[in-house]
Amino acid sequence: KVMYVGADRYCAARFGFDDKAFYDEFAGPASGTMMPVNPTKTDEDEKWMSKLSSHSHVIVVSAAGELVGDSLSRGSDLGDALDTPMVRAIRMAAMTLGTHELSGCKVYASTQPDVFSHCACLWARISELFYAEP
């Protein structure tokens, strides 16, 4: 079963914004604001999932199939309450690729992400999010 995360038309209308225009205002036009979560995994996806080594491990893989973000690679401790493993991996990927817009990238997580982490993927325009079954 595929789940999509994003602002839906009902919520957009309720709060007075068009969801596509809202996201485009911050990050430029995109093909859509929805992101598949835990779609059917390919052999390549299974390979990346097998590299997850701990309960809170998250990796980001570029469209070219290269590892660009890893939550286990710590730079400095930011003392940031929002520094979750998924956000850390997304930040690293953004620095590695030199852009905050990570469309084409896939995120692999060892556990089901919380709402904040889902939102981080959405704002970074992550193409697909995979996690081990809870």
Protein backbone atom coordinates (compact mmCIF):
# COMPACT_ATOMS: atom_id res chain seq x y z
CA LYS A 1 0.00 0.00 0.00
CA VAL A 2 1.45 3.39 -1.01
CA MET A 3 0.91 6.44 1.18
CA TYR A 4 1.45 10.00 -0.01
CA VAL A 5 2.41 12.89 2.24
CA GLY A 6 1.69 16.51 1.31
CA ALA A 7 -0.75 19.35 1.66
CA ASP A 8 -4.04 18.21 0.19
CA ARG A 9 -6.59 20.41 -1.54
CA TYR A 10 -8.98 20.28 1.42
CA CYS A 11 -6.40 21.59 3.90
CA ALA A 12 -5.10 24.09 1.37
CA ALA A 13 -8.59 25.52 0.84
CA ARG A 14 -9.33 25.47 4.56
CA PHE A 15 -6.25 27.53 5.37
CA GLY A 16 -6.52 29.74 2.30
CA PHE A 17 -3.64 28.69 0.09
CA ASP A 18 -3.20 26.66 -3.04
CA ASP A 19 -0.86 23.79 -2.14
CA LYS A 20 1.17 23.88 -5.36
CA ALA A 21 1.52 27.67 -5.28
CA PHE A 22 2.43 27.50 -1.58
CA TYR A 23 5.35 25.11 -2.12
CA ASP A 24 6.43 26.79 -5.37
CA GLU A 25 6.72 30.09 -3.51
CA PHE A 26 9.49 28.62 -1.36
CA ALA A 27 11.25 26.14 -3.63
CA GLY A 28 10.22 26.88 -7.21
CA PRO A 29 7.93 24.86 -9.49
CA ALA A 30 7.90 21.09 -9.13
CA SER A 31 6.07 18.23 -10.76
CA GLY A 32 3.88 17.84 -7.68
CA THR A 33 3.81 18.14 -3.93
CA MET A 34 3.14 14.50 -3.14
CA MET A 35 5.87 12.02 -2.19
CA PRO A 36 5.47 8.24 -2.28
CA VAL A 37 6.21 6.68 1.10
CA ASN A 38 7.36 3.06 1.23
CA PRO A 39 6.56 2.20 -2.40
CA THR A 40 7.38 -1.26 -3.74
CA LYS A 41 11.13 -1.78 -3.34
CA THR A 42 13.42 -2.70 -6.23
CA ASP A 43 16.60 -4.78 -5.81
CA GLU A 44 18.56 -1.52 -5.69
CA ASP A 45 16.30 -0.24 -2.89
CA GLU A 46 16.75 -3.50 -0.97
CA LYS A 47 20.54 -3.10 -1.33
CA TRP A 48 20.41 0.35 0.29
CA MET A 49 18.00 -0.83 3.00
CA SER A 50 20.46 -3.60 3.93
CA LYS A 51 23.13 -0.96 4.65
CA LEU A 52 21.10 0.51 7.52
CA SER A 53 23.02 -0.52 10.62
CA SER A 54 21.11 0.79 13.62
CA HIS A 55 17.64 1.63 14.87
CA SER A 56 17.97 5.32 14.00
CA HIS A 57 20.06 5.07 10.82
CA VAL A 58 18.98 7.12 7.78
CA ILE A 59 20.71 7.46 4.41
CA VAL A 60 20.01 9.64 1.37
CA VAL A 61 20.89 8.37 -2.11
CA SER A 62 21.13 10.70 -5.12
CA ALA A 63 19.38 10.16 -8.44
CA ALA A 64 22.77 8.94 -9.73
CA GLY A 65 22.76 6.17 -7.09
CA GLU A 66 25.45 7.69 -4.85
CA LEU A 67 25.30 7.95 -1.06
CA VAL A 68 25.06 11.69 -0.35
CA GLY A 69 23.70 11.79 3.21
CA ASP A 70 24.21 9.55 6.23
CA SER A 71 22.82 10.19 9.71
CA LEU A 72 25.76 8.35 11.29
CA SER A 73 28.27 10.85 9.87
CA ARG A 74 28.34 13.58 12.47
CA GLY A 75 30.11 16.82 11.75
CA SER A 76 29.78 18.86 14.91
CA ASP A 77 27.10 18.60 17.53
CA LEU A 78 24.82 21.50 16.79
CA GLY A 79 22.93 21.24 20.06
CA ASP A 80 19.81 21.49 17.92
CA ALA A 81 16.54 20.04 19.19
CA LEU A 82 15.46 19.54 15.57
CA ASP A 83 18.57 17.52 14.70
CA THR A 84 16.87 14.17 14.12
CA PRO A 85 18.66 11.41 12.17
CA MET A 86 16.52 12.10 9.08
CA VAL A 87 17.08 15.85 9.22
CA ARG A 88 20.83 15.26 9.73
CA ALA A 89 20.99 13.01 6.64
CA ILE A 90 18.96 15.50 4.56
CA ARG A 91 21.22 18.38 5.67
CA MET A 92 24.30 16.38 4.70
CA ALA A 93 22.79 15.54 1.29
CA ALA A 94 21.93 19.20 0.69
CA MET A 95 25.51 20.24 1.55
CA THR A 96 26.99 17.45 -0.59
CA LEU A 97 24.84 18.32 -3.62
CA GLY A 98 25.00 22.07 -3.06
CA THR A 99 21.23 22.57 -3.13
CA HIS A 100 18.27 22.36 -0.77
CA GLU A 101 16.15 20.91 -3.58
CA LEU A 102 16.73 17.13 -3.48
CA SER A 103 14.29 15.89 -6.11
CA GLY A 104 15.46 12.59 -7.53
CA CYS A 105 16.95 11.58 -4.18
CA LYS A 106 15.65 8.66 -2.13
CA VAL A 107 15.67 8.39 1.66
CA TYR A 108 16.08 5.04 3.42
CA ALA A 109 15.32 4.79 7.15
CA SER A 110 15.50 1.89 9.58
CA THR A 111 12.30 2.95 11.38
CA GLN A 112 9.07 4.63 10.40
CA PRO A 113 9.72 8.39 10.49
CA ASP A 114 7.75 10.81 12.62
CA VAL A 115 5.66 13.63 11.17
CA PHE A 116 8.51 16.14 11.46
CA SER A 117 10.80 13.88 9.41
CA HIS A 118 8.09 13.36 6.78
CA CYS A 119 7.77 17.14 6.52
CA ALA A 120 11.55 17.53 6.16
CA CYS A 121 11.44 15.11 3.21
CA LEU A 122 8.55 17.00 1.69
CA TRP A 123 10.24 20.39 1.98
CA ALA A 124 13.48 18.97 0.53
CA ARG A 125 11.42 17.52 -2.36
CA ILE A 126 12.71 13.99 -1.72
CA SER A 127 11.40 11.72 -4.48
CA GLU A 128 10.82 8.57 -2.42
CA LEU A 129 10.96 7.58 1.24
CA PHE A 130 11.54 3.98 2.30
CA TYR A 131 11.55 2.59 5.82
CA ALA A 132 11.70 -0.83 7.43
CA GLU A 133 8.29 -2.03 8.51
CA PRO A 134 7.52 -0.97 12.10
